[in-house]
Amino acid sequence: MKISRFKHTKSQAAMEFLMTYGWAILVVLAAIGALAYFGVLSPQKFLPEKCFLQAGFACVSHKVETTKVTLVLLNSIGKTITINSIAVGSCSGTFTDTMINEQQSTFVIGSTCSNGAQKESFKGDISIGYTEKETNLTKTAFGSLNSKVE
């Protein structure tokens, strides 16, 4: 049986092709890994700020500072309520504000809580304790807040 010398050169060309592109792919993967490690590819930098609350409340606006959180809330429950407490992340506060249906109110929560340094991202759960005026039932509404610390 005679072995052709062209078969040897074909396999050598194939190996050189795979090695060349293999090293190139390895370099690209290392570069992407380095960028991800140093936070350049962090998805939190590209996500928009958002404030979500359960049905019945609307988060009209918000501002997160290093020691406090300000929320502008809209009552769309359909009833007159009294806000008893609001907690956002590590900040909490007690209130006695009455809100009629479709009324908007501003709440400043906390004065000594720690929300991180300026320009960092903040993520916290929102908990709103309220009482319905007509039934005198105490309920809790939940939500979440993603923002940058100002």
N, C-alpha and C. Protein backbone atom coordinates (compact mmCIF):
# COMPACT_ATOMS: atom_id res chain seq x y z
N MET A 1 0.84 -1.16 0.00
CA MET A 1 0.00 0.00 0.00
C MET A 1 0.89 1.24 0.00
N LYS A 2 0.57 2.14 -0.86
CA LYS A 2 1.37 3.33 -1.04
C LYS A 2 0.69 4.51 -0.36
N ILE A 3 1.40 5.26 0.50
CA ILE A 3 0.85 6.43 1.19
C ILE A 3 1.24 7.67 0.39
N SER A 4 0.25 8.42 0.10
CA SER A 4 0.49 9.63 -0.67
C SER A 4 1.08 10.72 0.22
N ARG A 5 2.02 11.46 -0.29
CA ARG A 5 2.60 12.54 0.52
C ARG A 5 1.68 13.76 0.57
N PHE A 6 0.67 13.80 -0.29
CA PHE A 6 -0.30 14.91 -0.25
C PHE A 6 -1.22 14.81 0.96
N LYS A 7 -1.47 13.59 1.43
CA LYS A 7 -2.32 13.40 2.59
C LYS A 7 -1.66 14.04 3.82
N HIS A 8 -0.38 13.93 3.93
CA HIS A 8 0.36 14.51 5.04
C HIS A 8 0.28 16.03 5.00
N THR A 9 0.40 16.63 3.87
CA THR A 9 0.35 18.10 3.77
C THR A 9 -1.05 18.61 4.02
N LYS A 10 -2.08 17.84 3.64
CA LYS A 10 -3.45 18.27 3.90
C LYS A 10 -3.73 18.29 5.40
N SER A 11 -3.29 17.29 6.11
CA SER A 11 -3.52 17.25 7.55
C SER A 11 -2.69 18.32 8.26
N GLN A 12 -1.51 18.62 7.77
CA GLN A 12 -0.70 19.67 8.36
C GLN A 12 -1.36 21.03 8.15
N ALA A 13 -1.93 21.27 6.99
CA ALA A 13 -2.63 22.53 6.72
C ALA A 13 -3.85 22.66 7.62
N ALA A 14 -4.54 21.57 7.82
CA ALA A 14 -5.72 21.59 8.69
C ALA A 14 -5.32 21.91 10.12
N MET A 15 -4.24 21.31 10.59
CA MET A 15 -3.77 21.58 11.96
C MET A 15 -3.33 23.03 12.11
N GLU A 16 -2.63 23.57 11.15
CA GLU A 16 -2.20 24.96 11.20
C GLU A 16 -3.41 25.90 11.22
N PHE A 17 -4.42 25.58 10.42
CA PHE A 17 -5.65 26.38 10.39
C PHE A 17 -6.32 26.38 11.76
N LEU A 18 -6.49 25.19 12.35
CA LEU A 18 -7.14 25.09 13.65
C LEU A 18 -6.33 25.78 14.75
N MET A 19 -5.03 25.64 14.73
CA MET A 19 -4.19 26.27 15.74
C MET A 19 -4.24 27.79 15.63
N THR A 20 -4.18 28.32 14.43
CA THR A 20 -4.21 29.78 14.24
C THR A 20 -5.53 30.36 14.74
N TYR A 21 -6.66 29.80 14.33
CA TYR A 21 -7.95 30.32 14.77
C TYR A 21 -8.23 29.98 16.23
N GLY A 22 -7.69 28.88 16.71
CA GLY A 22 -7.85 28.54 18.12
C GLY A 22 -7.20 29.57 19.02
N TRP A 23 -5.97 29.99 18.67
CA TRP A 23 -5.29 31.02 19.48
C TRP A 23 -6.03 32.35 19.38
N ALA A 24 -6.54 32.68 18.22
CA ALA A 24 -7.27 33.94 18.06
C ALA A 24 -8.54 33.94 18.92
N ILE A 25 -9.26 32.84 18.92
CA ILE A 25 -10.47 32.74 19.74
C ILE A 25 -10.11 32.79 21.22
N LEU A 26 -9.03 32.16 21.62
CA LEU A 26 -8.59 32.19 23.00
C LEU A 26 -8.24 33.61 23.46
N VAL A 27 -7.59 34.39 22.61
CA VAL A 27 -7.25 35.78 22.94
C VAL A 27 -8.52 36.61 23.09
N VAL A 28 -9.49 36.42 22.21
CA VAL A 28 -10.75 37.17 22.30
C VAL A 28 -11.48 36.81 23.59
N LEU A 29 -11.54 35.56 23.94
CA LEU A 29 -12.19 35.15 25.19
C LEU A 29 -11.49 35.72 26.41
N ALA A 30 -10.17 35.76 26.39
CA ALA A 30 -9.42 36.35 27.51
C ALA A 30 -9.71 37.84 27.63
N ALA A 31 -9.82 38.54 26.50
CA ALA A 31 -10.12 39.98 26.53
C ALA A 31 -11.52 40.21 27.09
N ILE A 32 -12.49 39.42 26.67
CA ILE A 32 -13.86 39.58 27.20
C ILE A 32 -13.88 39.26 28.69
N GLY A 33 -13.16 38.25 29.12
CA GLY A 33 -13.09 37.92 30.54
C GLY A 33 -12.48 39.04 31.36
N ALA A 34 -11.43 39.68 30.84
CA ALA A 34 -10.80 40.79 31.55
C ALA A 34 -11.75 41.98 31.65
N LEU A 35 -12.47 42.29 30.58
CA LEU A 35 -13.44 43.39 30.62
C LEU A 35 -14.55 43.12 31.62
N ALA A 36 -15.04 41.90 31.67
CA ALA A 36 -16.09 41.54 32.62
C ALA A 36 -15.56 41.60 34.05
N TYR A 37 -14.33 41.17 34.28
CA TYR A 37 -13.74 41.18 35.62
C TYR A 37 -13.60 42.59 36.16
N PHE A 38 -13.22 43.54 35.33
CA PHE A 38 -13.03 44.91 35.77
C PHE A 38 -14.30 45.74 35.73
N GLY A 39 -15.44 45.14 35.40
CA GLY A 39 -16.73 45.82 35.49
C GLY A 39 -17.11 46.66 34.29
N VAL A 40 -16.36 46.58 33.22
CA VAL A 40 -16.69 47.37 32.03
C VAL A 40 -17.98 46.86 31.40
N LEU A 41 -18.22 45.57 31.47
CA LEU A 41 -19.41 44.97 30.87
C LEU A 41 -20.53 44.76 31.88
N SER A 42 -20.53 45.49 32.97
CA SER A 42 -21.55 45.34 34.01
C SER A 42 -22.91 45.78 33.47
N PRO A 43 -23.90 44.90 33.50
CA PRO A 43 -25.21 45.26 32.95
C PRO A 43 -25.94 46.32 33.77
N GLN A 44 -25.59 46.48 35.05
CA GLN A 44 -26.26 47.47 35.87
C GLN A 44 -25.99 48.89 35.40
N LYS A 45 -24.88 49.11 34.72
CA LYS A 45 -24.58 50.44 34.21
C LYS A 45 -25.49 50.82 33.05
N PHE A 46 -26.04 49.83 32.37
CA PHE A 46 -26.84 50.10 31.20
C PHE A 46 -28.34 50.00 31.45
N LEU A 47 -28.74 49.48 32.62
CA LEU A 47 -30.16 49.33 32.92
C LEU A 47 -30.76 50.66 33.34
N PRO A 48 -32.01 50.94 32.95
CA PRO A 48 -32.64 52.20 33.33
C PRO A 48 -33.08 52.18 34.79
N GLU A 49 -33.28 53.36 35.35
CA GLU A 49 -33.82 53.46 36.70
C GLU A 49 -35.29 53.09 36.64
N LYS A 50 -35.77 52.40 37.67
CA LYS A 50 -37.17 52.02 37.69
C LYS A 50 -37.68 51.89 39.11
N CYS A 51 -38.96 52.17 39.24
CA CYS A 51 -39.65 52.08 40.52
C CYS A 51 -40.99 51.40 40.25
N PHE A 52 -41.17 50.19 40.78
CA PHE A 52 -42.40 49.43 40.57
C PHE A 52 -43.10 49.23 41.90
N LEU A 53 -44.42 49.41 41.89
CA LEU A 53 -45.26 49.10 43.05
C LEU A 53 -46.42 48.25 42.59
N GLN A 54 -47.02 47.53 43.53
CA GLN A 54 -48.14 46.68 43.16
C GLN A 54 -49.33 47.54 42.75
N ALA A 55 -50.30 46.91 42.13
CA ALA A 55 -51.49 47.62 41.65
C ALA A 55 -52.15 48.39 42.79
N GLY A 56 -52.56 49.60 42.51
CA GLY A 56 -53.18 50.46 43.51
C GLY A 56 -52.29 51.63 43.90
N PHE A 57 -51.01 51.48 43.68
CA PHE A 57 -50.07 52.57 43.94
C PHE A 57 -49.25 52.80 42.67
N ALA A 58 -48.86 54.04 42.45
CA ALA A 58 -47.97 54.36 41.35
C ALA A 58 -46.80 55.16 41.90
N CYS A 59 -45.62 54.80 41.48
CA CYS A 59 -44.41 55.54 41.86
C CYS A 59 -44.19 56.59 40.77
N VAL A 60 -44.59 57.82 41.05
CA VAL A 60 -44.51 58.88 40.06
C VAL A 60 -43.06 59.30 39.83
N SER A 61 -42.30 59.44 40.92
CA SER A 61 -40.90 59.83 40.82
C SER A 61 -40.17 59.34 42.07
N HIS A 62 -38.85 59.36 41.99
CA HIS A 62 -38.04 58.92 43.13
C HIS A 62 -36.66 59.56 43.06
N LYS A 63 -36.03 59.64 44.23
CA LYS A 63 -34.66 60.13 44.33
C LYS A 63 -33.99 59.41 45.48
N VAL A 64 -32.84 58.80 45.21
CA VAL A 64 -32.09 58.09 46.24
C VAL A 64 -30.84 58.90 46.54
N GLU A 65 -30.68 59.30 47.79
CA GLU A 65 -29.49 60.01 48.24
C GLU A 65 -28.73 59.09 49.20
N THR A 66 -27.55 59.50 49.61
CA THR A 66 -26.72 58.62 50.45
C THR A 66 -27.37 58.31 51.79
N THR A 67 -28.19 59.22 52.34
CA THR A 67 -28.78 59.00 53.66
C THR A 67 -30.30 58.98 53.67
N LYS A 68 -30.95 59.17 52.54
CA LYS A 68 -32.42 59.16 52.53
C LYS A 68 -32.95 58.83 51.13
N VAL A 69 -34.23 58.49 51.09
CA VAL A 69 -34.92 58.18 49.84
C VAL A 69 -36.18 59.04 49.79
N THR A 70 -36.43 59.66 48.65
CA THR A 70 -37.64 60.45 48.45
C THR A 70 -38.49 59.76 47.39
N LEU A 71 -39.77 59.50 47.74
CA LEU A 71 -40.71 58.88 46.82
C LEU A 71 -41.91 59.79 46.62
N VAL A 72 -42.36 59.92 45.38
CA VAL A 72 -43.60 60.61 45.07
C VAL A 72 -44.58 59.51 44.66
N LEU A 73 -45.61 59.30 45.48
CA LEU A 73 -46.55 58.21 45.28
C LEU A 73 -47.92 58.74 44.88
N LEU A 74 -48.64 57.93 44.09
CA LEU A 74 -49.99 58.25 43.66
C LEU A 74 -50.91 57.15 44.17
N ASN A 75 -51.98 57.55 44.88
CA ASN A 75 -52.97 56.60 45.38
C ASN A 75 -53.98 56.35 44.26
N SER A 76 -54.01 55.15 43.74
CA SER A 76 -55.01 54.79 42.74
C SER A 76 -55.76 53.53 43.16
N ILE A 77 -55.89 53.36 44.48
CA ILE A 77 -56.60 52.20 45.03
C ILE A 77 -58.10 52.35 44.84
N GLY A 78 -58.58 53.60 44.86
CA GLY A 78 -60.01 53.84 44.74
C GLY A 78 -60.65 54.18 46.07
N LYS A 79 -59.83 54.28 47.11
CA LYS A 79 -60.33 54.56 48.45
C LYS A 79 -59.40 55.58 49.11
N THR A 80 -59.89 56.22 50.16
CA THR A 80 -59.06 57.10 50.97
C THR A 80 -58.26 56.23 51.93
N ILE A 81 -56.95 56.50 51.99
CA ILE A 81 -56.06 55.69 52.84
C ILE A 81 -55.20 56.60 53.70
N THR A 82 -54.64 56.02 54.75
CA THR A 82 -53.66 56.70 55.59
C THR A 82 -52.36 55.91 55.50
N ILE A 83 -51.27 56.57 55.11
CA ILE A 83 -49.97 55.92 55.03
C ILE A 83 -49.40 55.85 56.44
N ASN A 84 -49.08 54.64 56.90
CA ASN A 84 -48.55 54.43 58.26
C ASN A 84 -47.03 54.34 58.27
N SER A 85 -46.48 53.60 57.30
CA SER A 85 -45.03 53.41 57.28
C SER A 85 -44.58 53.11 55.86
N ILE A 86 -43.33 53.49 55.58
CA ILE A 86 -42.70 53.18 54.29
C ILE A 86 -41.27 52.75 54.59
N ALA A 87 -40.86 51.64 53.98
CA ALA A 87 -39.49 51.17 54.10
C ALA A 87 -38.94 50.93 52.70
N VAL A 88 -37.74 51.44 52.46
CA VAL A 88 -37.05 51.24 51.18
C VAL A 88 -35.63 50.81 51.51
N GLY A 89 -35.30 49.56 51.20
CA GLY A 89 -33.97 49.05 51.55
C GLY A 89 -33.75 49.13 53.04
N SER A 90 -32.70 49.83 53.47
CA SER A 90 -32.41 49.98 54.90
C SER A 90 -33.05 51.23 55.50
N CYS A 91 -33.74 52.03 54.68
CA CYS A 91 -34.41 53.25 55.17
C CYS A 91 -35.85 52.95 55.54
N SER A 92 -36.31 53.54 56.63
CA SER A 92 -37.71 53.37 57.01
C SER A 92 -38.19 54.62 57.71
N GLY A 93 -39.49 54.84 57.66
CA GLY A 93 -40.08 56.00 58.31
C GLY A 93 -41.54 55.76 58.61
N THR A 94 -42.06 56.46 59.61
CA THR A 94 -43.48 56.37 59.96
C THR A 94 -44.16 57.67 59.57
N PHE A 95 -45.42 57.56 59.14
CA PHE A 95 -46.16 58.71 58.64
C PHE A 95 -47.60 58.62 59.13
N THR A 96 -48.32 59.73 59.00
CA THR A 96 -49.75 59.79 59.30
C THR A 96 -50.47 60.56 58.19
N ASP A 97 -49.94 60.48 56.97
CA ASP A 97 -50.50 61.23 55.85
C ASP A 97 -51.73 60.53 55.29
N THR A 98 -52.82 61.30 55.11
CA THR A 98 -54.03 60.78 54.49
C THR A 98 -54.01 61.13 53.02
N MET A 99 -54.32 60.14 52.20
CA MET A 99 -54.35 60.34 50.74
C MET A 99 -55.72 59.92 50.22
N ILE A 100 -56.40 60.85 49.54
CA ILE A 100 -57.65 60.48 48.90
C ILE A 100 -57.32 59.83 47.55
N ASN A 101 -58.31 59.25 46.91
CA ASN A 101 -58.10 58.58 45.63
C ASN A 101 -57.57 59.56 44.59
N GLU A 102 -56.59 59.11 43.81
CA GLU A 102 -55.92 59.88 42.76
C GLU A 102 -55.13 61.07 43.29
N GLN A 103 -54.76 61.06 44.57
CA GLN A 103 -53.92 62.12 45.14
C GLN A 103 -52.46 61.68 45.10
N GLN A 104 -51.62 62.66 44.87
CA GLN A 104 -50.17 62.44 44.81
C GLN A 104 -49.52 63.07 46.03
N SER A 105 -48.61 62.36 46.68
CA SER A 105 -47.92 62.89 47.86
C SER A 105 -46.44 62.53 47.81
N THR A 106 -45.62 63.37 48.45
CA THR A 106 -44.18 63.16 48.52
C THR A 106 -43.80 62.69 49.91
N PHE A 107 -42.97 61.64 49.98
CA PHE A 107 -42.53 61.07 51.24
C PHE A 107 -41.00 61.01 51.27
N VAL A 108 -40.41 61.54 52.35
CA VAL A 108 -38.97 61.46 52.56
C VAL A 108 -38.74 60.40 53.62
N ILE A 109 -38.04 59.33 53.24
CA ILE A 109 -37.87 58.17 54.10
C ILE A 109 -36.45 58.14 54.63
N GLY A 110 -36.33 58.08 55.97
CA GLY A 110 -35.03 57.95 56.62
C GLY A 110 -34.26 59.26 56.63
N SER A 111 -33.31 59.33 57.51
CA SER A 111 -32.39 60.48 57.55
C SER A 111 -31.00 60.01 57.98
N THR A 112 -30.91 58.78 58.45
CA THR A 112 -29.62 58.26 58.89
C THR A 112 -29.31 56.90 58.27
N CYS A 113 -30.04 56.50 57.25
CA CYS A 113 -29.77 55.20 56.63
C CYS A 113 -28.61 55.32 55.64
N SER A 114 -28.06 54.19 55.26
CA SER A 114 -26.91 54.18 54.36
C SER A 114 -27.29 53.50 53.05
N ASN A 115 -27.29 54.26 51.95
CA ASN A 115 -27.67 53.74 50.64
C ASN A 115 -26.48 53.55 49.71
N GLY A 116 -25.28 53.75 50.21
CA GLY A 116 -24.09 53.61 49.39
C GLY A 116 -23.52 54.95 48.99
N ALA A 117 -22.45 54.92 48.23
CA ALA A 117 -21.78 56.14 47.79
C ALA A 117 -22.47 56.71 46.56
N GLN A 118 -22.21 57.97 46.30
CA GLN A 118 -22.78 58.63 45.13
C GLN A 118 -22.33 57.94 43.85
N LYS A 119 -23.21 57.94 42.87
CA LYS A 119 -23.01 57.37 41.54
C LYS A 119 -23.01 55.85 41.52
N GLU A 120 -23.20 55.21 42.67
CA GLU A 120 -23.32 53.76 42.70
C GLU A 120 -24.77 53.38 42.46
N SER A 121 -24.99 52.14 42.05
CA SER A 121 -26.36 51.70 41.84
C SER A 121 -26.97 51.27 43.18
N PHE A 122 -28.27 51.48 43.28
CA PHE A 122 -29.03 51.14 44.49
C PHE A 122 -30.18 50.25 44.08
N LYS A 123 -30.38 49.19 44.84
CA LYS A 123 -31.52 48.31 44.62
C LYS A 123 -32.12 48.00 45.97
N GLY A 124 -33.41 48.26 46.11
CA GLY A 124 -34.07 48.01 47.39
C GLY A 124 -35.52 47.64 47.21
N ASP A 125 -36.03 46.89 48.17
CA ASP A 125 -37.44 46.54 48.18
C ASP A 125 -38.23 47.63 48.90
N ILE A 126 -39.42 47.91 48.39
CA ILE A 126 -40.30 48.93 48.97
C ILE A 126 -41.43 48.22 49.70
N SER A 127 -41.73 48.68 50.90
CA SER A 127 -42.85 48.17 51.68
C SER A 127 -43.65 49.36 52.21
N ILE A 128 -44.93 49.44 51.86
CA ILE A 128 -45.78 50.55 52.27
C ILE A 128 -46.91 50.01 53.13
N GLY A 129 -46.93 50.41 54.39
CA GLY A 129 -48.02 50.04 55.30
C GLY A 129 -49.07 51.14 55.29
N TYR A 130 -50.34 50.76 55.06
CA TYR A 130 -51.40 51.75 54.99
C TYR A 130 -52.68 51.20 55.60
N THR A 131 -53.60 52.12 55.95
CA THR A 131 -54.89 51.76 56.51
C THR A 131 -55.98 52.34 55.64
N GLU A 132 -56.96 51.51 55.27
CA GLU A 132 -58.12 52.00 54.52
C GLU A 132 -59.05 52.73 55.48
N LYS A 133 -59.49 53.94 55.11
CA LYS A 133 -60.33 54.75 56.00
C LYS A 133 -61.70 54.11 56.21
N GLU A 134 -62.32 53.60 55.14
CA GLU A 134 -63.69 53.07 55.23
C GLU A 134 -63.77 51.81 56.08
N THR A 135 -62.84 50.90 55.91
CA THR A 135 -62.90 49.61 56.60
C THR A 135 -61.99 49.52 57.81
N ASN A 136 -61.06 50.45 57.94
CA ASN A 136 -60.07 50.47 59.03
C ASN A 136 -59.17 49.23 59.01
N LEU A 137 -59.00 48.63 57.82
CA LEU A 137 -58.09 47.49 57.67
C LEU A 137 -56.69 47.98 57.36
N THR A 138 -55.70 47.36 58.00
CA THR A 138 -54.31 47.69 57.75
C THR A 138 -53.75 46.71 56.73
N LYS A 139 -53.14 47.24 55.68
CA LYS A 139 -52.60 46.42 54.61
C LYS A 139 -51.18 46.86 54.29
N THR A 140 -50.50 46.04 53.48
CA THR A 140 -49.13 46.35 53.07
C THR A 140 -49.01 46.18 51.56
N ALA A 141 -48.39 47.15 50.91
CA ALA A 141 -48.11 47.09 49.47
C ALA A 141 -46.60 46.93 49.29
N PHE A 142 -46.23 46.18 48.28
CA PHE A 142 -44.81 45.89 48.04
C PHE A 142 -44.37 46.35 46.65
N GLY A 143 -43.09 46.58 46.50
CA GLY A 143 -42.53 46.96 45.22
C GLY A 143 -41.02 46.90 45.27
N SER A 144 -40.40 47.46 44.23
CA SER A 144 -38.93 47.48 44.18
C SER A 144 -38.47 48.77 43.52
N LEU A 145 -37.24 49.15 43.86
CA LEU A 145 -36.66 50.39 43.37
C LEU A 145 -35.22 50.12 42.92
N ASN A 146 -34.92 50.48 41.67
CA ASN A 146 -33.56 50.44 41.13
C ASN A 146 -33.20 51.84 40.69
N SER A 147 -32.10 52.37 41.21
CA SER A 147 -31.74 53.75 40.90
C SER A 147 -30.25 53.95 41.16
N LYS A 148 -29.78 55.13 40.84
CA LYS A 148 -28.41 55.53 41.18
C LYS A 148 -28.48 56.46 42.37
N VAL A 149 -27.47 56.38 43.25
CA VAL A 149 -27.40 57.24 44.42
C VAL A 149 -26.89 58.59 43.97
N GLU A 150 -27.62 59.64 44.36
CA GLU A 150 -27.24 61.01 43.98
C GLU A 150 -26.54 61.72 45.12
